[in-house]
Amino acid sequence: MDLLVVGVVLLAMGFNYTNGFHDAANAIATAISTRAIRPRAALALAAVGNLLGSFLGGRVVSTVSKEITVLPPGRDSLLILAAGLIGAIVWNVTTWYFGLPSSSSHALIGGLVGAALVGGAPVLWGGVVGKVLVPMVISPLAGFALGYVVMIGLMWLLRRAHPTRVNRGFRRAQWVSSAALALGHGLQDAAKTIGVVVLALTVGDWWHGEGAPLWVFLLTAAVLALGTYSGGWRIMRTLGGKVIQLDPPQAFAGQLTAAGVLYGAGIGFGAPISTTHTITAAIMGVGATRRLSAVRWGVAGSIVTGWVLTFPAAALVAVVASYGIDLFV
């Protein structure tokens, strides 16, 4: 069974890698698109933010490891985790190929739920609905509304300022907003992967303590950074320019809004919400202050379609993976 534990941890890191080029890219996409931060510096900022943020995500770790499904120690539970991770990875790669910023978070939870259902493990629907599905709807709405309000406030405060000075100042300020969003991403998405690894180590009889071993935090942050560096550019192009062309004040407002929603959900409620949903909705809300036609609603509609499909699609792939694993294991 030891090899199976190692295999599930490696799969979790595989998911984490896809999360890196899917969701971690969101934290720095707007800063790169406005030329506020050079790409390599932005990647370093994302890596540090993910590492530090992961230590703040204890409530999210607990939600993923304890409130989605109940897995007893043993081989069958590890196979359920493996199938769930395969479902999440396949969906992440599919949406990455098409450049759609769908949610790695909901792909992971959907994969775990699908694998648990077919594997005979109980699904804790109270936790799934209360901590995942309800926040999945509320968080983008909050991101859109708060992004709109924050941007209106900035426009009023800066109504007499010189545009060149404003842009220069907000390019510098994006270092702060990008760091805040990267920290929020670590709090949310790194913590989700850590939760799955803790679950694997626990059912595999490798870990019996509270929280997670230090090496899990460090490995998760390192793999997230590698994934962001290697494949995040497709998603960055979608968020950085295809939804709306952002100027520095808009990018700052969107990032700061999204970071606030991530902190509130993760630290306040332990809800594993989507960084992708939150930042994309915040960008739309910010863009809508210019005029509604400034947002490319066709692209936005494609993104929303990806959001809606993510949970059931990842669950379905996990079900197929479960049957495939049964044939070979």
C-alpha atoms as a PDB file:
ATOM      1  CA  MET A   1       0.000   0.000   0.000  1.00  0.00           C
ATOM      2  CA  ASP A   2       2.999   2.285   0.483  1.00  0.00           C
ATOM      3  CA  LEU A   3       3.497   2.508  -3.276  1.00  0.00           C
ATOM      4  CA  LEU A   4      -0.165   3.393  -3.678  1.00  0.00           C
ATOM      5  CA  VAL A   5       0.192   6.264  -1.203  1.00  0.00           C
ATOM      6  CA  VAL A   6       3.186   7.555  -3.155  1.00  0.00           C
ATOM      7  CA  GLY A   7       1.199   7.215  -6.385  1.00  0.00           C
ATOM      8  CA  VAL A   8      -1.732   9.256  -5.014  1.00  0.00           C
ATOM      9  CA  VAL A   9       0.630  11.956  -3.711  1.00  0.00           C
ATOM     10  CA  LEU A  10       2.253  12.124  -7.171  1.00  0.00           C
ATOM     11  CA  LEU A  11      -1.190  12.411  -8.763  1.00  0.00           C
ATOM     12  CA  ALA A  12      -2.003  15.212  -6.321  1.00  0.00           C
ATOM     13  CA  MET A  13       1.160  16.988  -7.430  1.00  0.00           C
ATOM     14  CA  GLY A  14       0.129  16.390 -11.051  1.00  0.00           C
ATOM     15  CA  PHE A  15      -3.177  18.099 -10.319  1.00  0.00           C
ATOM     16  CA  ASN A  16      -1.272  20.814  -8.486  1.00  0.00           C
ATOM     17  CA  TYR A  17       0.907  21.358 -11.550  1.00  0.00           C
ATOM     18  CA  THR A  18      -2.172  21.820 -13.763  1.00  0.00           C
ATOM     19  CA  ASN A  19      -3.582  24.116 -11.097  1.00  0.00           C
ATOM     20  CA  GLY A  20      -0.402  26.157 -11.450  1.00  0.00           C
ATOM     21  CA  PHE A  21      -0.899  26.893 -15.134  1.00  0.00           C
ATOM     22  CA  HIS A  22      -4.639  27.227 -14.644  1.00  0.00           C
ATOM     23  CA  ASP A  23      -5.337  29.191 -11.470  1.00  0.00           C
ATOM     24  CA  ALA A  24      -1.987  30.522 -10.244  1.00  0.00           C
ATOM     25  CA  ALA A  25      -1.644  32.339 -13.566  1.00  0.00           C
ATOM     26  CA  ASN A  26      -4.745  34.332 -12.662  1.00  0.00           C
ATOM     27  CA  ALA A  27      -2.965  36.043  -9.773  1.00  0.00           C
ATOM     28  CA  ILE A  28      -0.417  37.681 -12.059  1.00  0.00           C
ATOM     29  CA  ALA A  29      -2.193  37.864 -15.431  1.00  0.00           C
ATOM     30  CA  THR A  30      -3.475  41.415 -15.072  1.00  0.00           C
ATOM     31  CA  ALA A  31      -0.177  42.752 -13.729  1.00  0.00           C
ATOM     32  CA  ILE A  32       1.664  41.327 -16.732  1.00  0.00           C
ATOM     33  CA  SER A  33      -0.940  42.556 -19.230  1.00  0.00           C
ATOM     34  CA  THR A  34      -0.598  46.144 -17.973  1.00  0.00           C
ATOM     35  CA  ARG A  35       3.210  45.821 -17.952  1.00  0.00           C
ATOM     36  CA  ALA A  36       3.253  46.633 -14.257  1.00  0.00           C
ATOM     37  CA  ILE A  37       5.481  43.653 -13.466  1.00  0.00           C
ATOM     38  CA  ARG A  38       7.873  41.739 -15.683  1.00  0.00           C
ATOM     39  CA  PRO A  39       6.847  38.097 -16.229  1.00  0.00           C
ATOM     40  CA  ARG A  40       9.747  36.506 -14.327  1.00  0.00           C
ATOM     41  CA  ALA A  41       9.314  38.845 -11.371  1.00  0.00           C
ATOM     42  CA  ALA A  42       5.573  38.157 -11.405  1.00  0.00           C
ATOM     43  CA  LEU A  43       6.218  34.415 -11.377  1.00  0.00           C
ATOM     44  CA  ALA A  44       8.541  34.775  -8.396  1.00  0.00           C
ATOM     45  CA  LEU A  45       5.906  36.873  -6.634  1.00  0.00           C
ATOM     46  CA  ALA A  46       3.270  34.209  -7.329  1.00  0.00           C
ATOM     47  CA  ALA A  47       5.528  31.454  -5.986  1.00  0.00           C
ATOM     48  CA  VAL A  48       6.256  33.272  -2.719  1.00  0.00           C
ATOM     49  CA  GLY A  49       2.610  34.259  -2.297  1.00  0.00           C
ATOM     50  CA  ASN A  50       1.434  30.684  -2.865  1.00  0.00           C
ATOM     51  CA  LEU A  51       3.900  29.358  -0.296  1.00  0.00           C
ATOM     52  CA  LEU A  52       3.021  31.892   2.395  1.00  0.00           C
ATOM     53  CA  GLY A  53      -0.701  31.693   1.647  1.00  0.00           C
ATOM     54  CA  SER A  54      -0.752  27.919   1.997  1.00  0.00           C
ATOM     55  CA  PHE A  55       0.107  28.297   5.702  1.00  0.00           C
ATOM     56  CA  LEU A  56      -3.016  30.445   6.159  1.00  0.00           C
ATOM     57  CA  GLY A  57      -5.377  27.905   4.588  1.00  0.00           C
ATOM     58  CA  GLY A  58      -5.929  25.621   7.568  1.00  0.00           C
ATOM     59  CA  ARG A  59      -9.723  25.866   7.405  1.00  0.00           C
ATOM     60  CA  VAL A  60      -9.717  25.065   3.683  1.00  0.00           C
ATOM     61  CA  VAL A  61      -7.420  22.068   4.299  1.00  0.00           C
ATOM     62  CA  SER A  62      -9.891  20.849   6.920  1.00  0.00           C
ATOM     63  CA  THR A  63     -12.872  21.283   4.581  1.00  0.00           C
ATOM     64  CA  VAL A  64     -11.292  19.272   1.756  1.00  0.00           C
ATOM     65  CA  SER A  65      -9.949  16.513   4.002  1.00  0.00           C
ATOM     66  CA  LYS A  66     -12.955  16.154   6.325  1.00  0.00           C
ATOM     67  CA  GLU A  67     -16.158  17.658   4.877  1.00  0.00           C
ATOM     68  CA  ILE A  68     -16.442  16.267   1.332  1.00  0.00           C
ATOM     69  CA  THR A  69     -16.340  12.519   1.902  1.00  0.00           C
ATOM     70  CA  VAL A  70     -15.489  10.022   4.624  1.00  0.00           C
ATOM     71  CA  LEU A  71     -12.723   7.622   3.626  1.00  0.00           C
ATOM     72  CA  PRO A  72     -11.669   4.810   5.975  1.00  0.00           C
ATOM     73  CA  PRO A  73      -8.032   3.690   6.029  1.00  0.00           C
ATOM     74  CA  GLY A  74      -7.177   1.232   3.279  1.00  0.00           C
ATOM     75  CA  ARG A  75      -6.441   0.537  -0.344  1.00  0.00           C
ATOM     76  CA  ASP A  76      -9.954   1.249  -1.665  1.00  0.00           C
ATOM     77  CA  SER A  77      -9.915   4.795  -0.281  1.00  0.00           C
ATOM     78  CA  LEU A  78      -6.598   5.509  -1.993  1.00  0.00           C
ATOM     79  CA  LEU A  79      -8.048   4.279  -5.299  1.00  0.00           C
ATOM     80  CA  ILE A  80     -11.019   6.629  -4.842  1.00  0.00           C
ATOM     81  CA  LEU A  81      -8.619   9.536  -4.321  1.00  0.00           C
ATOM     82  CA  ALA A  82      -6.627   8.493  -7.402  1.00  0.00           C
ATOM     83  CA  ALA A  83      -9.758   8.439  -9.590  1.00  0.00           C
ATOM     84  CA  GLY A  84     -10.902  11.813  -8.260  1.00  0.00           C
ATOM     85  CA  LEU A  85      -7.540  13.395  -9.022  1.00  0.00           C
ATOM     86  CA  ILE A  86      -7.507  11.925 -12.533  1.00  0.00           C
ATOM     87  CA  GLY A  87     -10.932  13.481 -13.165  1.00  0.00           C
ATOM     88  CA  ALA A  88      -9.678  16.894 -12.031  1.00  0.00           C
ATOM     89  CA  ILE A  89      -6.452  16.669 -14.049  1.00  0.00           C
ATOM     90  CA  VAL A  90      -8.195  15.666 -17.285  1.00  0.00           C
ATOM     91  CA  TRP A  91     -10.686  18.525 -17.026  1.00  0.00           C
ATOM     92  CA  ASN A  92      -7.963  21.043 -16.173  1.00  0.00           C
ATOM     93  CA  VAL A  93      -5.884  20.041 -19.189  1.00  0.00           C
ATOM     94  CA  THR A  94      -8.928  20.127 -21.473  1.00  0.00           C
ATOM     95  CA  THR A  95      -9.964  23.644 -20.456  1.00  0.00           C
ATOM     96  CA  TRP A  96      -6.348  24.852 -20.494  1.00  0.00           C
ATOM     97  CA  TYR A  97      -6.028  23.662 -24.100  1.00  0.00           C
ATOM     98  CA  PHE A  98      -8.932  25.893 -25.086  1.00  0.00           C
ATOM     99  CA  GLY A  99      -7.663  28.779 -22.932  1.00  0.00           C
ATOM    100  CA  LEU A 100     -10.731  28.781 -20.680  1.00  0.00           C
ATOM    101  CA  PRO A 101     -10.099  29.860 -17.067  1.00  0.00           C
ATOM    102  CA  SER A 102     -12.338  27.238 -15.478  1.00  0.00           C
ATOM    103  CA  SER A 103     -12.047  26.303 -11.819  1.00  0.00           C
ATOM    104  CA  SER A 104      -9.403  23.835 -10.672  1.00  0.00           C
ATOM    105  CA  SER A 105     -11.074  23.939  -7.268  1.00  0.00           C
ATOM    106  CA  HIS A 106     -14.411  22.685  -8.526  1.00  0.00           C
ATOM    107  CA  ALA A 107     -12.701  20.200 -10.817  1.00  0.00           C
ATOM    108  CA  LEU A 108     -11.021  18.724  -7.738  1.00  0.00           C
ATOM    109  CA  ILE A 109     -14.170  18.617  -5.614  1.00  0.00           C
ATOM    110  CA  GLY A 110     -16.222  17.294  -8.541  1.00  0.00           C
ATOM    111  CA  GLY A 111     -13.658  14.579  -9.186  1.00  0.00           C
ATOM    112  CA  LEU A 112     -13.643  13.528  -5.530  1.00  0.00           C
ATOM    113  CA  VAL A 113     -17.449  13.433  -5.379  1.00  0.00           C
ATOM    114  CA  GLY A 114     -17.734  11.380  -8.590  1.00  0.00           C
ATOM    115  CA  ALA A 115     -15.095   8.908  -7.436  1.00  0.00           C
ATOM    116  CA  ALA A 116     -16.670   8.598  -3.989  1.00  0.00           C
ATOM    117  CA  LEU A 117     -20.116   7.897  -5.445  1.00  0.00           C
ATOM    118  CA  VAL A 118     -18.936   5.104  -7.706  1.00  0.00           C
ATOM    119  CA  GLY A 119     -16.503   3.807  -5.076  1.00  0.00           C
ATOM    120  CA  GLY A 120     -19.185   3.389  -2.436  1.00  0.00           C
ATOM    121  CA  ALA A 121     -17.822   6.045  -0.055  1.00  0.00           C
ATOM    122  CA  PRO A 122     -20.327   8.379   1.618  1.00  0.00           C
ATOM    123  CA  VAL A 123     -20.512  11.905   0.213  1.00  0.00           C
ATOM    124  CA  LEU A 124     -21.106  14.561   2.843  1.00  0.00           C
ATOM    125  CA  TRP A 125     -23.658  16.564   0.872  1.00  0.00           C
ATOM    126  CA  GLY A 126     -24.050  19.145   3.607  1.00  0.00           C
ATOM    127  CA  GLY A 127     -20.391  20.054   3.233  1.00  0.00           C
ATOM    128  CA  VAL A 128     -20.475  19.860  -0.574  1.00  0.00           C
ATOM    129  CA  VAL A 129     -23.524  22.116  -0.842  1.00  0.00           C
ATOM    130  CA  GLY A 130     -22.737  24.483   2.026  1.00  0.00           C
ATOM    131  CA  LYS A 131     -18.979  24.811   1.533  1.00  0.00           C
ATOM    132  CA  VAL A 132     -18.644  24.318  -2.248  1.00  0.00           C
ATOM    133  CA  LEU A 133     -21.789  24.741  -4.361  1.00  0.00           C
ATOM    134  CA  VAL A 134     -23.333  27.734  -2.571  1.00  0.00           C
ATOM    135  CA  PRO A 135     -20.004  29.631  -2.427  1.00  0.00           C
ATOM    136  CA  MET A 136     -19.467  28.676  -6.091  1.00  0.00           C
ATOM    137  CA  VAL A 137     -22.496  30.850  -6.931  1.00  0.00           C
ATOM    138  CA  ILE A 138     -21.967  33.600  -4.360  1.00  0.00           C
ATOM    139  CA  SER A 139     -18.239  34.247  -4.861  1.00  0.00           C
ATOM    140  CA  PRO A 140     -18.366  35.420  -8.512  1.00  0.00           C
ATOM    141  CA  LEU A 141     -21.437  37.541  -7.781  1.00  0.00           C
ATOM    142  CA  ALA A 142     -19.574  39.115  -4.881  1.00  0.00           C
ATOM    143  CA  GLY A 143     -16.488  39.586  -7.051  1.00  0.00           C
ATOM    144  CA  PHE A 144     -18.511  41.320  -9.779  1.00  0.00           C
ATOM    145  CA  ALA A 145     -20.424  43.598  -7.404  1.00  0.00           C
ATOM    146  CA  LEU A 146     -17.420  44.527  -5.271  1.00  0.00           C
ATOM    147  CA  GLY A 147     -15.232  45.055  -8.335  1.00  0.00           C
ATOM    148  CA  TYR A 148     -17.816  47.488  -9.695  1.00  0.00           C
ATOM    149  CA  VAL A 149     -18.093  49.352  -6.379  1.00  0.00           C
ATOM    150  CA  VAL A 150     -14.333  49.536  -5.794  1.00  0.00           C
ATOM    151  CA  MET A 151     -13.718  50.840  -9.308  1.00  0.00           C
ATOM    152  CA  ILE A 152     -16.464  53.462  -8.994  1.00  0.00           C
ATOM    153  CA  GLY A 153     -14.842  54.598  -5.766  1.00  0.00           C
ATOM    154  CA  LEU A 154     -11.414  54.870  -7.382  1.00  0.00           C
ATOM    155  CA  MET A 155     -12.834  56.785 -10.343  1.00  0.00           C
ATOM    156  CA  TRP A 156     -14.445  59.297  -7.985  1.00  0.00           C
ATOM    157  CA  LEU A 157     -11.282  59.713  -5.884  1.00  0.00           C
ATOM    158  CA  LEU A 158      -9.102  60.172  -8.968  1.00  0.00           C
ATOM    159  CA  ARG A 159     -11.522  62.227 -11.037  1.00  0.00           C
ATOM    160  CA  ARG A 160      -9.195  65.260 -11.092  1.00  0.00           C
ATOM    161  CA  ALA A 161      -5.877  63.393 -11.240  1.00  0.00           C
ATOM    162  CA  HIS A 162      -3.639  63.379 -14.295  1.00  0.00           C
ATOM    163  CA  PRO A 163      -4.056  60.068 -16.213  1.00  0.00           C
ATOM    164  CA  THR A 164      -0.308  59.564 -16.763  1.00  0.00           C
ATOM    165  CA  ARG A 165       0.458  59.956 -13.073  1.00  0.00           C
ATOM    166  CA  VAL A 166      -2.464  57.706 -12.152  1.00  0.00           C
ATOM    167  CA  ASN A 167      -1.302  54.908 -14.441  1.00  0.00           C
ATOM    168  CA  ARG A 168       2.284  55.201 -13.198  1.00  0.00           C
ATOM    169  CA  GLY A 169       1.157  55.041  -9.582  1.00  0.00           C
ATOM    170  CA  PHE A 170      -1.145  52.083 -10.078  1.00  0.00           C
ATOM    171  CA  ARG A 171       1.514  50.120 -11.938  1.00  0.00           C
ATOM    172  CA  ARG A 172       3.540  50.328  -8.740  1.00  0.00           C
ATOM    173  CA  ALA A 173       0.477  49.563  -6.626  1.00  0.00           C
ATOM    174  CA  GLN A 174      -0.050  46.366  -8.626  1.00  0.00           C
ATOM    175  CA  TRP A 175       2.931  44.881  -6.826  1.00  0.00           C
ATOM    176  CA  VAL A 176       0.795  45.054  -3.687  1.00  0.00           C
ATOM    177  CA  SER A 177      -2.436  43.822  -5.277  1.00  0.00           C
ATOM    178  CA  SER A 178      -0.631  40.997  -7.127  1.00  0.00           C
ATOM    179  CA  ALA A 179       1.047  39.879  -3.900  1.00  0.00           C
ATOM    180  CA  ALA A 180      -2.288  40.001  -2.083  1.00  0.00           C
ATOM    181  CA  LEU A 181      -3.970  37.900  -4.780  1.00  0.00           C
ATOM    182  CA  ALA A 182      -1.088  35.393  -4.909  1.00  0.00           C
ATOM    183  CA  LEU A 183      -1.358  35.027  -1.140  1.00  0.00           C
ATOM    184  CA  GLY A 184      -5.103  34.473  -1.484  1.00  0.00           C
ATOM    185  CA  HIS A 185      -4.506  31.869  -4.181  1.00  0.00           C
ATOM    186  CA  GLY A 186      -2.118  30.000  -1.896  1.00  0.00           C
ATOM    187  CA  LEU A 187      -4.642  30.218   0.940  1.00  0.00           C
ATOM    188  CA  GLN A 188      -7.261  28.673  -1.322  1.00  0.00           C
ATOM    189  CA  ASP A 189      -5.755  26.452  -4.013  1.00  0.00           C
ATOM    190  CA  ALA A 190      -2.521  25.299  -2.406  1.00  0.00           C
ATOM    191  CA  ALA A 191      -4.567  24.434   0.665  1.00  0.00           C
ATOM    192  CA  LYS A 192      -6.935  22.274  -1.401  1.00  0.00           C
ATOM    193  CA  THR A 193      -4.088  20.159  -2.729  1.00  0.00           C
ATOM    194  CA  ILE A 194      -2.611  19.929   0.760  1.00  0.00           C
ATOM    195  CA  GLY A 195      -6.013  18.717   1.997  1.00  0.00           C
ATOM    196  CA  VAL A 196      -6.038  15.875  -0.540  1.00  0.00           C
ATOM    197  CA  VAL A 197      -2.457  14.883   0.325  1.00  0.00           C
ATOM    198  CA  VAL A 198      -3.312  14.885   4.044  1.00  0.00           C
ATOM    199  CA  LEU A 199      -6.298  12.659   3.262  1.00  0.00           C
ATOM    200  CA  ALA A 200      -4.073  10.261   1.299  1.00  0.00           C
ATOM    201  CA  LEU A 201      -1.430  10.157   4.033  1.00  0.00           C
ATOM    202  CA  THR A 202      -4.103   9.557   6.671  1.00  0.00           C
ATOM    203  CA  VAL A 203      -5.950   6.712   4.928  1.00  0.00           C
ATOM    204  CA  GLY A 204      -2.576   5.239   3.957  1.00  0.00           C
ATOM    205  CA  ASP A 205      -1.519   5.205   7.634  1.00  0.00           C
ATOM    206  CA  TRP A 206       1.372   7.621   7.047  1.00  0.00           C
ATOM    207  CA  TRP A 207       0.117  10.598   9.056  1.00  0.00           C
ATOM    208  CA  HIS A 208      -1.938  10.925  12.220  1.00  0.00           C
ATOM    209  CA  GLY A 209      -1.253  14.496  13.337  1.00  0.00           C
ATOM    210  CA  GLU A 210      -3.159  17.726  12.985  1.00  0.00           C
ATOM    211  CA  GLY A 211      -2.617  19.940   9.948  1.00  0.00           C
ATOM    212  CA  ALA A 212      -0.010  18.743   7.453  1.00  0.00           C
ATOM    213  CA  PRO A 213       3.733  17.967   7.443  1.00  0.00           C
ATOM    214  CA  LEU A 214       5.989  20.875   6.478  1.00  0.00           C
ATOM    215  CA  TRP A 215       7.278  19.062   3.381  1.00  0.00           C
ATOM    216  CA  VAL A 216       3.743  18.987   1.963  1.00  0.00           C
ATOM    217  CA  PHE A 217       3.512  22.795   2.113  1.00  0.00           C
ATOM    218  CA  LEU A 218       6.913  23.257   0.500  1.00  0.00           C
ATOM    219  CA  LEU A 219       6.347  20.664  -2.238  1.00  0.00           C
ATOM    220  CA  THR A 220       2.896  22.045  -3.069  1.00  0.00           C
ATOM    221  CA  ALA A 221       4.172  25.619  -3.422  1.00  0.00           C
ATOM    222  CA  ALA A 222       7.143  24.531  -5.558  1.00  0.00           C
ATOM    223  CA  VAL A 223       4.979  22.522  -7.975  1.00  0.00           C
ATOM    224  CA  LEU A 224       2.443  25.357  -8.236  1.00  0.00           C
ATOM    225  CA  ALA A 225       5.233  27.742  -9.196  1.00  0.00           C
ATOM    226  CA  LEU A 226       6.589  25.328 -11.802  1.00  0.00           C
ATOM    227  CA  GLY A 227       3.147  24.873 -13.340  1.00  0.00           C
ATOM    228  CA  THR A 228       2.594  28.618 -13.520  1.00  0.00           C
ATOM    229  CA  TYR A 229       5.908  29.170 -15.260  1.00  0.00           C
ATOM    230  CA  SER A 230       5.494  26.393 -17.802  1.00  0.00           C
ATOM    231  CA  GLY A 231       1.935  26.724 -19.004  1.00  0.00           C
ATOM    232  CA  GLY A 232       0.048  29.700 -17.630  1.00  0.00           C
ATOM    233  CA  TRP A 233       0.315  31.950 -20.672  1.00  0.00           C
ATOM    234  CA  ARG A 234      -2.895  30.771 -22.396  1.00  0.00           C
ATOM    235  CA  ILE A 235      -4.997  31.633 -19.360  1.00  0.00           C
ATOM    236  CA  MET A 236      -3.093  34.887 -18.832  1.00  0.00           C
ATOM    237  CA  ARG A 237      -3.963  36.026 -22.347  1.00  0.00           C
ATOM    238  CA  THR A 238      -7.674  35.349 -21.761  1.00  0.00           C
ATOM    239  CA  LEU A 239      -7.853  37.193 -18.444  1.00  0.00           C
ATOM    240  CA  GLY A 240      -5.357  39.882 -19.355  1.00  0.00           C
ATOM    241  CA  GLY A 241      -6.963  41.019 -22.585  1.00  0.00           C
ATOM    242  CA  LYS A 242      -9.715  38.895 -24.084  1.00  0.00           C
ATOM    243  CA  VAL A 243     -12.366  39.636 -21.442  1.00  0.00           C
ATOM    244  CA  ILE A 244     -11.547  43.375 -21.381  1.00  0.00           C
ATOM    245  CA  GLN A 245      -8.520  45.536 -22.049  1.00  0.00           C
ATOM    246  CA  LEU A 246      -7.400  46.646 -18.598  1.00  0.00           C
ATOM    247  CA  ASP A 247      -5.569  49.772 -17.570  1.00  0.00           C
ATOM    248  CA  PRO A 248      -3.490  49.822 -14.324  1.00  0.00           C
ATOM    249  CA  PRO A 249      -6.222  51.228 -12.018  1.00  0.00           C
ATOM    250  CA  GLN A 250      -8.723  48.635 -13.283  1.00  0.00           C
ATOM    251  CA  ALA A 251      -6.228  45.803 -12.877  1.00  0.00           C
ATOM    252  CA  PHE A 252      -5.440  46.957  -9.339  1.00  0.00           C
ATOM    253  CA  ALA A 253      -9.137  47.162  -8.419  1.00  0.00           C
ATOM    254  CA  GLY A 254      -9.869  43.708  -9.835  1.00  0.00           C
ATOM    255  CA  GLN A 255      -6.957  42.063  -8.037  1.00  0.00           C
ATOM    256  CA  LEU A 256      -7.652  43.736  -4.704  1.00  0.00           C
ATOM    257  CA  THR A 257     -11.342  42.836  -4.886  1.00  0.00           C
ATOM    258  CA  ALA A 258     -10.633  39.197  -5.734  1.00  0.00           C
ATOM    259  CA  ALA A 259      -8.067  38.920  -2.929  1.00  0.00           C
ATOM    260  CA  GLY A 260     -10.594  40.227  -0.414  1.00  0.00           C
ATOM    261  CA  VAL A 261     -13.214  37.675  -1.469  1.00  0.00           C
ATOM    262  CA  LEU A 262     -10.657  34.828  -1.290  1.00  0.00           C
ATOM    263  CA  TYR A 263      -9.579  35.819   2.228  1.00  0.00           C
ATOM    264  CA  GLY A 264     -13.138  36.206   3.449  1.00  0.00           C
ATOM    265  CA  ALA A 265     -14.245  32.826   2.142  1.00  0.00           C
ATOM    266  CA  GLY A 266     -11.117  30.900   3.144  1.00  0.00           C
ATOM    267  CA  ILE A 267     -10.291  32.347   6.551  1.00  0.00           C
ATOM    268  CA  GLY A 268     -13.832  33.289   7.534  1.00  0.00           C
ATOM    269  CA  PHE A 269     -15.752  30.216   6.396  1.00  0.00           C
ATOM    270  CA  GLY A 270     -13.242  27.594   5.225  1.00  0.00           C
ATOM    271  CA  ALA A 271     -15.020  27.599   1.859  1.00  0.00           C
ATOM    272  CA  PRO A 272     -12.789  26.331  -1.005  1.00  0.00           C
ATOM    273  CA  ILE A 273     -13.882  28.863  -3.621  1.00  0.00           C
ATOM    274  CA  SER A 274     -12.390  29.325  -7.059  1.00  0.00           C
ATOM    275  CA  THR A 275      -9.641  31.878  -7.630  1.00  0.00           C
ATOM    276  CA  THR A 276     -10.555  31.744 -11.332  1.00  0.00           C
ATOM    277  CA  HIS A 277     -14.236  32.528 -10.795  1.00  0.00           C
ATOM    278  CA  THR A 278     -13.446  35.302  -8.372  1.00  0.00           C
ATOM    279  CA  ILE A 279     -10.815  37.213 -10.364  1.00  0.00           C
ATOM    280  CA  THR A 280     -12.695  36.818 -13.649  1.00  0.00           C
ATOM    281  CA  ALA A 281     -15.926  38.141 -12.126  1.00  0.00           C
ATOM    282  CA  ALA A 282     -14.037  40.994 -10.473  1.00  0.00           C
ATOM    283  CA  ILE A 283     -12.498  41.942 -13.836  1.00  0.00           C
ATOM    284  CA  MET A 284     -15.962  41.943 -15.420  1.00  0.00           C
ATOM    285  CA  GLY A 285     -17.316  44.131 -12.618  1.00  0.00           C
ATOM    286  CA  VAL A 286     -14.442  46.570 -12.982  1.00  0.00           C
ATOM    287  CA  GLY A 287     -14.862  46.653 -16.761  1.00  0.00           C
ATOM    288  CA  ALA A 288     -18.594  47.265 -16.514  1.00  0.00           C
ATOM    289  CA  THR A 289     -17.904  50.667 -14.908  1.00  0.00           C
ATOM    290  CA  ARG A 290     -16.537  51.870 -18.231  1.00  0.00           C
ATOM    291  CA  ARG A 291     -19.585  50.706 -20.127  1.00  0.00           C
ATOM    292  CA  LEU A 292     -21.286  47.348 -20.448  1.00  0.00           C
ATOM    293  CA  SER A 293     -20.114  46.953 -24.047  1.00  0.00           C
ATOM    294  CA  ALA A 294     -16.482  47.229 -22.864  1.00  0.00           C
ATOM    295  CA  VAL A 295     -16.748  43.672 -21.547  1.00  0.00           C
ATOM    296  CA  ARG A 296     -16.525  41.062 -24.282  1.00  0.00           C
ATOM    297  CA  TRP A 297     -19.601  39.165 -23.171  1.00  0.00           C
ATOM    298  CA  GLY A 298     -19.109  36.425 -25.758  1.00  0.00           C
ATOM    299  CA  VAL A 299     -15.793  35.460 -24.149  1.00  0.00           C
ATOM    300  CA  ALA A 300     -17.373  35.894 -20.721  1.00  0.00           C
ATOM    301  CA  GLY A 301     -20.198  33.552 -21.754  1.00  0.00           C
ATOM    302  CA  SER A 302     -17.726  30.872 -22.795  1.00  0.00           C
ATOM    303  CA  ILE A 303     -16.025  31.191 -19.414  1.00  0.00           C
ATOM    304  CA  VAL A 304     -19.337  30.866 -17.560  1.00  0.00           C
ATOM    305  CA  THR A 305     -20.142  27.744 -19.601  1.00  0.00           C
ATOM    306  CA  GLY A 306     -16.833  26.285 -18.450  1.00  0.00           C
ATOM    307  CA  TRP A 307     -17.734  27.104 -14.863  1.00  0.00           C
ATOM    308  CA  VAL A 308     -21.103  25.352 -15.065  1.00  0.00           C
ATOM    309  CA  LEU A 309     -19.675  22.242 -16.715  1.00  0.00           C
ATOM    310  CA  THR A 310     -16.622  21.855 -14.488  1.00  0.00           C
ATOM    311  CA  PHE A 311     -18.123  20.120 -11.454  1.00  0.00           C
ATOM    312  CA  PRO A 312     -20.213  17.491 -13.320  1.00  0.00           C
ATOM    313  CA  ALA A 313     -17.624  16.983 -16.076  1.00  0.00           C
ATOM    314  CA  ALA A 314     -14.799  16.306 -13.635  1.00  0.00           C
ATOM    315  CA  ALA A 315     -17.106  13.979 -11.670  1.00  0.00           C
ATOM    316  CA  LEU A 316     -17.945  12.069 -14.855  1.00  0.00           C
ATOM    317  CA  VAL A 317     -14.286  11.682 -15.815  1.00  0.00           C
ATOM    318  CA  ALA A 318     -13.569  10.443 -12.280  1.00  0.00           C
ATOM    319  CA  VAL A 319     -16.322   7.811 -12.640  1.00  0.00           C
ATOM    320  CA  VAL A 320     -14.772   6.579 -15.901  1.00  0.00           C
ATOM    321  CA  ALA A 321     -11.334   6.599 -14.258  1.00  0.00           C
ATOM    322  CA  SER A 322     -12.706   4.545 -11.347  1.00  0.00           C
ATOM    323  CA  TYR A 323     -13.886   1.801 -13.692  1.00  0.00           C
ATOM    324  CA  GLY A 324     -10.597   1.946 -15.566  1.00  0.00           C
ATOM    325  CA  ILE A 325      -8.601   1.581 -12.362  1.00  0.00           C
ATOM    326  CA  ASP A 326     -10.741  -1.418 -11.359  1.00  0.00           C
ATOM    327  CA  LEU A 327      -9.768  -3.147 -14.597  1.00  0.00           C
ATOM    328  CA  PHE A 328      -6.042  -2.740 -14.064  1.00  0.00           C
ATOM    329  CA  VAL A 329      -5.557  -2.838 -10.292  1.00  0.00           C
END
